[in-house]
C-alpha cells in the first residue's frame, strides 16, 4: 500500500496513523525512516482504513501484526 493513501484519510485518521507509528517505533527501537518504520506506516494505514480509531489500539495491533510477519519472512 502506498503512503499516498495516507492523504485520503481525514485529519483524525492521519493523526491516528502517525501517532501509532511513533508509539510503535519508540517502543521497539525502530527508526521512523527505516524499512520497518515504513512497513509499520503501511499496516497502520490499513488498520485505520478498516475502522480503528485510537493510536494505542493501532500501535498494539502493529505489535501483533509485525511480530507475526517477522516469522513469515525466511532468513
Protein backbone atom coordinates (compact mmCIF):
# COMPACT_ATOMS: atom_id res chain seq x y z
CA UNK A 1 0.00 0.00 0.00
CA UNK A 2 1.33 3.40 -0.94
CA UNK A 3 1.85 6.00 1.72
CA UNK A 4 -0.07 8.35 -0.58
CA UNK A 5 -3.17 6.58 0.75
CA UNK A 6 -2.48 8.45 3.99
CA UNK A 7 -3.59 11.60 2.20
CA UNK A 8 -7.05 10.12 1.62
CA UNK A 9 -7.65 9.98 5.39
CA UNK A 10 -9.24 12.81 7.31
CA UNK A 11 -7.18 14.78 9.85
CA UNK A 12 -8.20 12.46 12.68
CA UNK A 13 -7.13 9.39 10.68
CA UNK A 14 -3.78 10.94 9.76
CA UNK A 15 -3.14 11.83 13.40
CA UNK A 16 -4.08 8.31 14.50
CA UNK A 17 -1.70 6.71 11.97
CA UNK A 18 1.25 8.99 12.69
CA UNK A 19 0.81 8.76 16.46
CA UNK A 20 0.50 4.97 16.38
CA UNK A 21 3.62 4.60 14.24
CA UNK A 22 5.57 6.97 16.50
CA UNK A 23 4.48 4.95 19.56
CA UNK A 24 5.35 1.62 17.91
CA UNK A 25 8.73 2.82 16.64
CA UNK A 26 9.66 4.28 20.02
CA UNK A 27 8.64 1.13 21.92
CA UNK A 28 10.53 -1.13 19.51
CA UNK A 29 13.64 0.98 18.89
CA UNK A 30 12.86 1.33 15.19
CA UNK A 31 13.68 4.45 13.17
CA UNK A 32 10.63 6.04 11.54
CA UNK A 33 12.53 6.30 8.27
CA UNK A 34 13.67 2.65 8.24
CA UNK A 35 12.22 -0.23 6.24
CA UNK A 36 10.39 -1.49 9.36
CA UNK A 37 9.12 2.03 10.06
CA UNK A 38 7.70 2.24 6.54
CA UNK A 39 6.14 -1.21 6.94
CA UNK A 40 4.54 -0.08 10.21
CA UNK A 41 3.16 3.00 8.44
CA UNK A 42 1.57 0.87 5.70
CA UNK A 43 -0.01 -1.50 8.21
CA UNK A 44 -1.26 1.40 10.36
CA UNK A 45 -2.91 3.00 7.32
CA UNK A 46 -4.68 -0.29 6.56
CA UNK A 47 -5.88 -0.56 10.16
CA UNK A 48 -7.26 2.98 10.23
CA UNK A 49 -8.95 2.48 6.86
CA UNK A 50 -10.51 -0.68 8.37
CA UNK A 51 -12.01 1.40 11.18
CA UNK A 52 -9.55 1.53 14.08
CA UNK A 53 -9.80 4.92 15.78
CA UNK A 54 -7.19 5.22 18.54
CA UNK A 55 -3.39 5.32 18.24
CA UNK A 56 -2.96 2.98 21.22
CA UNK A 57 -5.11 0.27 19.63
CA UNK A 58 -3.36 0.68 16.28
CA UNK A 59 0.09 0.52 17.94
CA UNK A 60 -0.95 -2.64 19.78
CA UNK A 61 -2.18 -4.17 16.53
CA UNK A 62 1.14 -3.23 14.90
CA UNK A 63 2.96 -5.18 17.61
CA UNK A 64 0.95 -8.29 16.86
CA UNK A 65 0.99 -7.96 13.07
CA UNK A 66 4.67 -7.11 12.65
CA UNK A 67 5.76 -9.80 15.12
CA UNK A 68 3.87 -12.40 13.07
CA UNK A 69 5.35 -11.05 9.83
CA UNK A 70 8.92 -11.49 11.07
CA UNK A 71 8.29 -15.23 11.42
CA UNK A 72 6.80 -15.44 7.93
CA UNK A 73 9.91 -13.92 6.35
CA UNK A 74 12.62 -16.53 5.76
CA UNK A 75 16.14 -15.62 6.81
